[in-house]
């Protein structure tokens, strides 16, 4: 399971011109389920995201987590994180989970996030989304659980 985290001042997801999910300061989580991923992997990834110390403390050091600062999570499905471009110029997505399993794992991750964190917004799995964000820093962190 892969995630690309972006520390944001604000972020939102629009579908067809309507905002479906938005947060103020926090993390935009672009989430990709890969073949053979399981619930336990999603749990480990969520735990890592919630505890990752990438927000500044009083001294300006990255020493606080999204939980510490009371930030939001905006979780967006992003199967293209599974792209393999080693064979040419057109990406292959064969490592992405099949759509039904990808949806199940995405929904599982979101449900667990909502149990563990007070502010969780989402995009819509499989939709054509426009993601708007103000990257704070910029800080962008790739994560992969295996």
N, C-alpha and C. Protein backbone atom coordinates (compact mmCIF):
# COMPACT_ATOMS: atom_id res chain seq x y z
N UNK A 1 0.86 -1.17 0.00
CA UNK A 1 0.00 0.00 0.00
C UNK A 1 0.90 1.22 0.00
N UNK A 2 0.54 2.18 -0.83
CA UNK A 2 1.32 3.40 -0.96
C UNK A 2 0.49 4.62 -0.61
N UNK A 3 1.16 5.64 -0.11
CA UNK A 3 0.52 6.93 0.12
C UNK A 3 1.53 8.02 -0.20
N UNK A 4 1.04 9.10 -0.70
CA UNK A 4 1.83 10.30 -0.88
C UNK A 4 1.18 11.36 0.01
N UNK A 5 1.94 11.83 1.00
CA UNK A 5 1.42 12.81 1.95
C UNK A 5 1.89 14.19 1.56
N UNK A 6 0.98 15.14 1.62
CA UNK A 6 1.36 16.53 1.43
C UNK A 6 0.83 17.31 2.61
N UNK A 7 1.75 17.97 3.31
CA UNK A 7 1.34 18.84 4.41
C UNK A 7 0.73 20.08 3.77
N UNK A 8 -0.50 20.40 4.16
CA UNK A 8 -1.22 21.49 3.49
C UNK A 8 -1.72 22.53 4.48
N UNK A 9 -1.84 23.76 3.96
CA UNK A 9 -2.54 24.82 4.69
C UNK A 9 -4.04 24.66 4.49
N UNK A 10 -4.41 24.15 3.31
CA UNK A 10 -5.80 23.82 2.99
C UNK A 10 -5.80 22.93 1.76
N UNK A 11 -6.86 22.15 1.63
CA UNK A 11 -7.02 21.28 0.45
C UNK A 11 -8.49 20.96 0.27
N UNK A 12 -8.86 20.72 -1.00
CA UNK A 12 -10.24 20.32 -1.28
C UNK A 12 -10.27 19.47 -2.53
N UNK A 13 -11.34 18.71 -2.66
CA UNK A 13 -11.58 17.88 -3.83
C UNK A 13 -12.90 18.32 -4.44
N UNK A 14 -12.86 18.62 -5.73
CA UNK A 14 -14.07 18.98 -6.47
C UNK A 14 -14.38 17.90 -7.49
N UNK A 15 -15.66 17.63 -7.65
CA UNK A 15 -16.14 16.72 -8.69
C UNK A 15 -17.27 17.44 -9.41
N UNK A 16 -17.10 17.63 -10.70
CA UNK A 16 -18.12 18.32 -11.48
C UNK A 16 -18.42 19.71 -10.98
N UNK A 17 -17.41 20.39 -10.47
CA UNK A 17 -17.57 21.76 -9.99
C UNK A 17 -18.09 21.88 -8.57
N UNK A 18 -18.38 20.76 -7.92
CA UNK A 18 -18.87 20.77 -6.53
C UNK A 18 -17.79 20.23 -5.60
N UNK A 19 -17.59 20.90 -4.47
CA UNK A 19 -16.62 20.44 -3.48
C UNK A 19 -17.24 19.28 -2.70
N UNK A 20 -16.53 18.13 -2.71
CA UNK A 20 -17.02 16.95 -2.00
C UNK A 20 -16.25 16.67 -0.71
N UNK A 21 -15.08 17.27 -0.58
CA UNK A 21 -14.29 17.09 0.63
C UNK A 21 -13.30 18.24 0.76
N UNK A 22 -13.11 18.72 1.99
CA UNK A 22 -12.19 19.84 2.19
C UNK A 22 -11.67 19.81 3.63
N UNK A 23 -10.44 20.29 3.79
CA UNK A 23 -9.84 20.47 5.11
C UNK A 23 -9.09 21.80 5.13
N UNK A 24 -8.87 22.29 6.32
CA UNK A 24 -7.93 23.39 6.51
C UNK A 24 -6.56 22.75 6.70
N UNK A 25 -5.73 23.24 7.59
CA UNK A 25 -4.40 22.69 7.78
C UNK A 25 -4.45 21.20 8.13
N UNK A 26 -3.51 20.46 7.57
CA UNK A 26 -3.45 19.02 7.84
C UNK A 26 -2.68 18.30 6.75
N UNK A 27 -3.16 17.10 6.42
CA UNK A 27 -2.50 16.26 5.43
C UNK A 27 -3.45 15.87 4.31
N UNK A 28 -2.99 16.07 3.09
CA UNK A 28 -3.63 15.47 1.93
C UNK A 28 -2.97 14.11 1.76
N UNK A 29 -3.77 13.05 1.78
CA UNK A 29 -3.27 11.68 1.67
C UNK A 29 -3.75 11.11 0.35
N UNK A 30 -2.82 10.97 -0.60
CA UNK A 30 -3.13 10.29 -1.85
C UNK A 30 -2.82 8.83 -1.60
N UNK A 31 -3.84 7.96 -1.75
CA UNK A 31 -3.76 6.58 -1.28
C UNK A 31 -3.91 5.60 -2.43
N UNK A 32 -3.03 4.60 -2.47
CA UNK A 32 -3.05 3.58 -3.53
C UNK A 32 -2.99 2.19 -2.92
N UNK A 33 -3.99 1.39 -3.20
CA UNK A 33 -3.97 -0.02 -2.81
C UNK A 33 -3.35 -0.81 -3.95
N UNK A 34 -2.43 -1.70 -3.60
CA UNK A 34 -1.77 -2.53 -4.61
C UNK A 34 -2.22 -3.98 -4.47
N UNK A 35 -1.92 -4.77 -5.49
CA UNK A 35 -2.27 -6.19 -5.47
C UNK A 35 -1.74 -6.83 -4.19
N UNK A 36 -2.54 -7.69 -3.62
CA UNK A 36 -2.19 -8.46 -2.43
C UNK A 36 -2.11 -7.64 -1.15
N UNK A 37 -2.51 -6.36 -1.17
CA UNK A 37 -2.57 -5.59 0.06
C UNK A 37 -3.71 -6.13 0.93
N UNK A 38 -3.59 -5.94 2.23
CA UNK A 38 -4.58 -6.45 3.17
C UNK A 38 -4.91 -5.38 4.20
N UNK A 39 -5.97 -5.63 4.97
CA UNK A 39 -6.41 -4.69 6.00
C UNK A 39 -5.30 -4.33 6.98
N UNK A 40 -4.50 -5.32 7.36
CA UNK A 40 -3.43 -5.08 8.33
C UNK A 40 -2.43 -4.05 7.79
N UNK A 41 -2.19 -4.07 6.50
CA UNK A 41 -1.28 -3.09 5.88
C UNK A 41 -1.89 -1.70 5.94
N UNK A 42 -3.18 -1.61 5.69
CA UNK A 42 -3.88 -0.32 5.79
C UNK A 42 -3.81 0.21 7.21
N UNK A 43 -3.98 -0.66 8.19
CA UNK A 43 -3.89 -0.25 9.59
C UNK A 43 -2.50 0.29 9.93
N UNK A 44 -1.46 -0.39 9.47
CA UNK A 44 -0.09 0.06 9.73
C UNK A 44 0.20 1.39 9.06
N UNK A 45 -0.29 1.55 7.83
CA UNK A 45 -0.09 2.80 7.11
C UNK A 45 -0.79 3.95 7.82
N UNK A 46 -2.02 3.74 8.24
CA UNK A 46 -2.76 4.78 8.96
C UNK A 46 -2.05 5.15 10.25
N UNK A 47 -1.59 4.17 11.00
CA UNK A 47 -0.88 4.45 12.25
C UNK A 47 0.36 5.30 11.99
N UNK A 48 1.09 4.99 10.94
CA UNK A 48 2.29 5.75 10.58
C UNK A 48 1.93 7.18 10.21
N UNK A 49 0.87 7.35 9.41
CA UNK A 49 0.45 8.68 8.98
C UNK A 49 0.06 9.54 10.18
N UNK A 50 -0.71 8.97 11.10
CA UNK A 50 -1.19 9.73 12.25
C UNK A 50 -0.07 10.13 13.21
N UNK A 51 1.00 9.36 13.25
CA UNK A 51 2.10 9.63 14.20
C UNK A 51 3.30 10.31 13.56
N UNK A 52 3.33 10.41 12.23
CA UNK A 52 4.48 10.98 11.54
C UNK A 52 4.67 12.44 11.93
N UNK A 53 5.84 12.76 12.41
CA UNK A 53 6.12 14.11 12.93
C UNK A 53 6.66 15.01 11.82
N UNK A 54 5.74 15.64 11.11
CA UNK A 54 6.14 16.50 9.99
C UNK A 54 5.55 17.90 10.10
N UNK A 55 5.05 18.23 11.28
CA UNK A 55 4.55 19.59 11.55
C UNK A 55 5.50 20.27 12.53
N UNK A 56 5.65 21.56 12.36
CA UNK A 56 6.60 22.31 13.17
C UNK A 56 6.17 22.50 14.61
N UNK A 57 7.17 22.51 15.50
CA UNK A 57 6.94 22.86 16.90
C UNK A 57 7.27 24.35 17.09
N UNK A 58 7.38 24.79 18.34
CA UNK A 58 7.65 26.20 18.62
C UNK A 58 8.99 26.66 18.06
N UNK A 59 9.93 25.74 17.92
CA UNK A 59 11.26 26.06 17.39
C UNK A 59 11.32 25.92 15.87
N UNK A 60 10.20 25.53 15.26
CA UNK A 60 10.18 25.37 13.82
C UNK A 60 10.68 24.02 13.33
N UNK A 61 10.98 23.11 14.24
CA UNK A 61 11.44 21.77 13.87
C UNK A 61 10.25 20.86 13.61
N UNK A 62 10.40 19.97 12.65
CA UNK A 62 9.35 18.98 12.39
C UNK A 62 9.34 18.01 13.56
N UNK A 63 8.42 18.25 14.49
CA UNK A 63 8.41 17.48 15.72
C UNK A 63 7.00 17.15 16.19
N UNK A 64 6.00 17.50 15.38
CA UNK A 64 4.61 17.25 15.75
C UNK A 64 3.88 16.48 14.66
N UNK A 65 2.94 15.67 15.10
CA UNK A 65 2.13 14.88 14.16
C UNK A 65 0.84 15.62 13.83
N UNK A 66 0.12 15.10 12.85
CA UNK A 66 -1.18 15.68 12.51
C UNK A 66 -2.12 15.60 13.71
N UNK A 67 -1.99 14.58 14.52
CA UNK A 67 -2.80 14.47 15.73
C UNK A 67 -2.40 15.54 16.74
N UNK A 68 -1.11 15.76 16.88
CA UNK A 68 -0.62 16.75 17.83
C UNK A 68 -1.14 18.15 17.51
N UNK A 69 -1.22 18.48 16.22
CA UNK A 69 -1.62 19.83 15.82
C UNK A 69 -3.12 19.94 15.54
N UNK A 70 -3.86 18.84 15.65
CA UNK A 70 -5.30 18.87 15.39
C UNK A 70 -5.64 19.14 13.94
N UNK A 71 -4.77 18.70 13.03
CA UNK A 71 -5.00 18.91 11.60
C UNK A 71 -5.97 17.90 11.02
N UNK A 72 -6.47 18.22 9.85
CA UNK A 72 -7.38 17.33 9.16
C UNK A 72 -6.65 16.37 8.24
N UNK A 73 -7.39 15.35 7.80
CA UNK A 73 -6.93 14.43 6.77
C UNK A 73 -7.90 14.52 5.59
N UNK A 74 -7.37 14.67 4.40
CA UNK A 74 -8.16 14.58 3.18
C UNK A 74 -7.62 13.39 2.42
N UNK A 75 -8.39 12.32 2.37
CA UNK A 75 -7.95 11.05 1.79
C UNK A 75 -8.55 10.90 0.39
N UNK A 76 -7.66 10.76 -0.60
CA UNK A 76 -8.06 10.70 -2.00
C UNK A 76 -7.47 9.44 -2.62
N UNK A 77 -8.31 8.64 -3.26
CA UNK A 77 -7.82 7.44 -3.94
C UNK A 77 -6.97 7.86 -5.14
N UNK A 78 -5.84 7.16 -5.33
CA UNK A 78 -4.88 7.56 -6.36
C UNK A 78 -4.16 6.32 -6.89
N UNK A 79 -4.85 5.54 -7.75
CA UNK A 79 -4.25 4.30 -8.24
C UNK A 79 -3.00 4.55 -9.07
N UNK A 80 -2.82 5.75 -9.60
CA UNK A 80 -1.65 6.02 -10.43
C UNK A 80 -0.34 6.01 -9.64
N UNK A 81 -0.41 5.97 -8.31
CA UNK A 81 0.82 5.81 -7.53
C UNK A 81 1.45 4.44 -7.77
N UNK A 82 0.69 3.51 -8.35
CA UNK A 82 1.20 2.18 -8.67
C UNK A 82 1.85 2.13 -10.05
N UNK A 83 2.00 3.26 -10.69
CA UNK A 83 2.54 3.31 -12.05
C UNK A 83 3.94 2.70 -12.13
N UNK A 84 4.14 1.91 -13.18
CA UNK A 84 5.45 1.36 -13.51
C UNK A 84 5.81 1.90 -14.89
N UNK A 85 6.88 2.68 -14.96
CA UNK A 85 7.31 3.25 -16.23
C UNK A 85 8.64 2.66 -16.69
N UNK A 86 9.03 1.53 -16.13
CA UNK A 86 10.32 0.93 -16.47
C UNK A 86 10.33 0.33 -17.87
N UNK A 87 9.16 0.02 -18.43
CA UNK A 87 9.12 -0.65 -19.72
C UNK A 87 8.92 0.26 -20.91
N UNK A 88 8.87 1.53 -20.71
CA UNK A 88 8.66 2.44 -21.84
C UNK A 88 8.09 3.76 -21.36
N UNK A 89 7.38 4.42 -22.26
CA UNK A 89 6.87 5.75 -21.95
C UNK A 89 5.42 5.77 -21.50
N UNK A 90 4.73 4.65 -21.63
CA UNK A 90 3.35 4.57 -21.18
C UNK A 90 3.30 3.80 -19.87
N UNK A 91 2.76 4.40 -18.81
CA UNK A 91 2.74 3.72 -17.51
C UNK A 91 1.88 2.45 -17.54
N UNK A 92 2.33 1.48 -16.79
CA UNK A 92 1.56 0.27 -16.55
C UNK A 92 1.04 0.34 -15.12
N UNK A 93 -0.20 -0.07 -14.94
CA UNK A 93 -0.80 -0.03 -13.60
C UNK A 93 -1.16 -1.42 -13.10
N UNK A 94 -0.44 -2.43 -13.57
CA UNK A 94 -0.76 -3.81 -13.21
C UNK A 94 -0.55 -4.09 -11.73
N UNK A 95 0.26 -3.27 -11.03
CA UNK A 95 0.46 -3.49 -9.60
C UNK A 95 -0.65 -2.89 -8.73
N UNK A 96 -1.50 -2.07 -9.35
CA UNK A 96 -2.64 -1.52 -8.59
C UNK A 96 -3.62 -2.65 -8.28
N UNK A 97 -4.28 -2.55 -7.14
CA UNK A 97 -5.31 -3.53 -6.80
C UNK A 97 -6.44 -3.45 -7.82
N UNK A 98 -7.09 -4.58 -8.11
CA UNK A 98 -8.27 -4.52 -8.98
C UNK A 98 -9.29 -3.55 -8.38
N UNK A 99 -10.12 -2.93 -9.23
CA UNK A 99 -11.02 -1.87 -8.74
C UNK A 99 -11.87 -2.26 -7.53
N UNK A 100 -12.46 -3.43 -7.51
CA UNK A 100 -13.31 -3.81 -6.37
C UNK A 100 -12.52 -3.90 -5.07
N UNK A 101 -11.32 -4.48 -5.15
CA UNK A 101 -10.48 -4.61 -3.97
C UNK A 101 -9.89 -3.26 -3.59
N UNK A 102 -9.53 -2.46 -4.58
CA UNK A 102 -9.03 -1.12 -4.30
C UNK A 102 -10.07 -0.27 -3.57
N UNK A 103 -11.32 -0.35 -4.03
CA UNK A 103 -12.41 0.38 -3.37
C UNK A 103 -12.60 -0.11 -1.94
N UNK A 104 -12.59 -1.43 -1.76
CA UNK A 104 -12.79 -1.99 -0.43
C UNK A 104 -11.70 -1.51 0.53
N UNK A 105 -10.45 -1.56 0.09
CA UNK A 105 -9.35 -1.14 0.94
C UNK A 105 -9.38 0.36 1.21
N UNK A 106 -9.73 1.14 0.20
CA UNK A 106 -9.86 2.60 0.39
C UNK A 106 -10.94 2.88 1.42
N UNK A 107 -12.10 2.26 1.29
CA UNK A 107 -13.20 2.49 2.23
C UNK A 107 -12.84 1.99 3.62
N UNK A 108 -12.12 0.89 3.70
CA UNK A 108 -11.65 0.38 4.99
C UNK A 108 -10.72 1.41 5.65
N UNK A 109 -9.74 1.92 4.88
CA UNK A 109 -8.80 2.91 5.39
C UNK A 109 -9.54 4.14 5.90
N UNK A 110 -10.49 4.64 5.12
CA UNK A 110 -11.24 5.84 5.51
C UNK A 110 -12.04 5.58 6.79
N UNK A 111 -12.69 4.42 6.87
CA UNK A 111 -13.47 4.10 8.07
C UNK A 111 -12.57 4.04 9.30
N UNK A 112 -11.42 3.41 9.17
CA UNK A 112 -10.48 3.33 10.30
C UNK A 112 -9.94 4.72 10.66
N UNK A 113 -9.68 5.54 9.64
CA UNK A 113 -9.20 6.90 9.90
C UNK A 113 -10.24 7.69 10.68
N UNK A 114 -11.51 7.53 10.32
CA UNK A 114 -12.58 8.25 11.01
C UNK A 114 -12.76 7.78 12.45
N UNK A 115 -12.42 6.53 12.72
CA UNK A 115 -12.46 6.03 14.10
C UNK A 115 -11.33 6.61 14.93
N UNK A 116 -10.19 6.89 14.28
CA UNK A 116 -8.99 7.28 15.00
C UNK A 116 -8.72 8.78 15.02
N UNK A 117 -9.38 9.53 14.14
CA UNK A 117 -9.04 10.94 13.97
C UNK A 117 -10.32 11.76 13.79
N UNK A 118 -10.42 12.94 14.39
CA UNK A 118 -11.68 13.68 14.38
C UNK A 118 -12.05 14.36 13.05
N UNK A 119 -11.07 14.70 12.22
CA UNK A 119 -11.37 15.44 10.99
C UNK A 119 -10.85 14.65 9.80
N UNK A 120 -11.76 13.97 9.09
CA UNK A 120 -11.40 13.19 7.91
C UNK A 120 -12.39 13.50 6.81
N UNK A 121 -11.87 14.00 5.69
CA UNK A 121 -12.68 14.26 4.49
C UNK A 121 -12.13 13.37 3.38
N UNK A 122 -12.92 13.20 2.32
CA UNK A 122 -12.50 12.31 1.24
C UNK A 122 -12.88 12.86 -0.12
N UNK A 123 -12.28 12.24 -1.10
CA UNK A 123 -12.73 12.38 -2.47
C UNK A 123 -13.76 11.28 -2.71
N UNK A 124 -13.88 10.85 -3.96
CA UNK A 124 -14.79 9.76 -4.32
C UNK A 124 -14.02 8.74 -5.14
N UNK A 125 -14.00 7.51 -4.68
CA UNK A 125 -13.23 6.46 -5.35
C UNK A 125 -13.65 6.36 -6.81
N UNK A 126 -12.67 6.37 -7.70
CA UNK A 126 -12.91 6.17 -9.13
C UNK A 126 -13.45 7.36 -9.88
N UNK A 127 -13.70 8.46 -9.19
CA UNK A 127 -14.26 9.64 -9.86
C UNK A 127 -13.16 10.46 -10.51
N UNK A 128 -13.57 11.29 -11.48
CA UNK A 128 -12.67 12.27 -12.08
C UNK A 128 -12.68 13.48 -11.14
N UNK A 129 -11.60 13.63 -10.39
CA UNK A 129 -11.56 14.65 -9.34
C UNK A 129 -10.55 15.73 -9.69
N UNK A 130 -10.82 16.92 -9.20
CA UNK A 130 -9.86 18.00 -9.24
C UNK A 130 -9.46 18.27 -7.79
N UNK A 131 -8.17 18.13 -7.53
CA UNK A 131 -7.65 18.31 -6.18
C UNK A 131 -6.94 19.65 -6.12
N UNK A 132 -7.38 20.48 -5.20
CA UNK A 132 -6.79 21.80 -4.99
C UNK A 132 -6.11 21.79 -3.63
N UNK A 133 -4.87 22.30 -3.59
CA UNK A 133 -4.16 22.30 -2.33
C UNK A 133 -3.16 23.44 -2.26
N UNK A 134 -2.89 23.83 -1.04
CA UNK A 134 -1.79 24.74 -0.77
C UNK A 134 -0.80 23.93 0.06
N UNK A 135 0.28 23.48 -0.61
CA UNK A 135 1.29 22.66 0.05
C UNK A 135 2.06 23.56 0.99
N UNK A 136 2.11 23.17 2.26
CA UNK A 136 2.75 23.97 3.30
C UNK A 136 4.20 23.54 3.45
N UNK A 137 5.10 24.35 3.02
CA UNK A 137 6.53 24.06 3.18
C UNK A 137 7.35 24.36 1.93
N UNK A 138 7.25 23.63 0.89
CA UNK A 138 6.42 22.45 0.68
C UNK A 138 6.98 21.23 1.41
N UNK A 139 6.07 20.40 1.88
CA UNK A 139 6.43 19.13 2.50
C UNK A 139 5.62 18.04 1.80
N UNK A 140 6.32 17.11 1.16
CA UNK A 140 5.70 15.98 0.47
C UNK A 140 6.49 14.73 0.85
N UNK A 141 5.78 13.73 1.39
CA UNK A 141 6.43 12.53 1.92
C UNK A 141 5.81 11.29 1.27
N UNK A 142 6.61 10.48 0.56
CA UNK A 142 6.08 9.21 0.05
C UNK A 142 6.19 8.13 1.14
N UNK A 143 5.16 7.30 1.25
CA UNK A 143 5.16 6.18 2.19
C UNK A 143 4.77 4.90 1.46
N UNK A 144 5.39 3.81 1.82
CA UNK A 144 5.01 2.52 1.26
C UNK A 144 5.09 1.47 2.35
N UNK A 145 4.01 0.76 2.54
CA UNK A 145 3.98 -0.35 3.50
C UNK A 145 3.98 -1.65 2.71
N UNK A 146 4.85 -2.55 3.11
CA UNK A 146 4.91 -3.87 2.48
C UNK A 146 4.87 -4.94 3.54
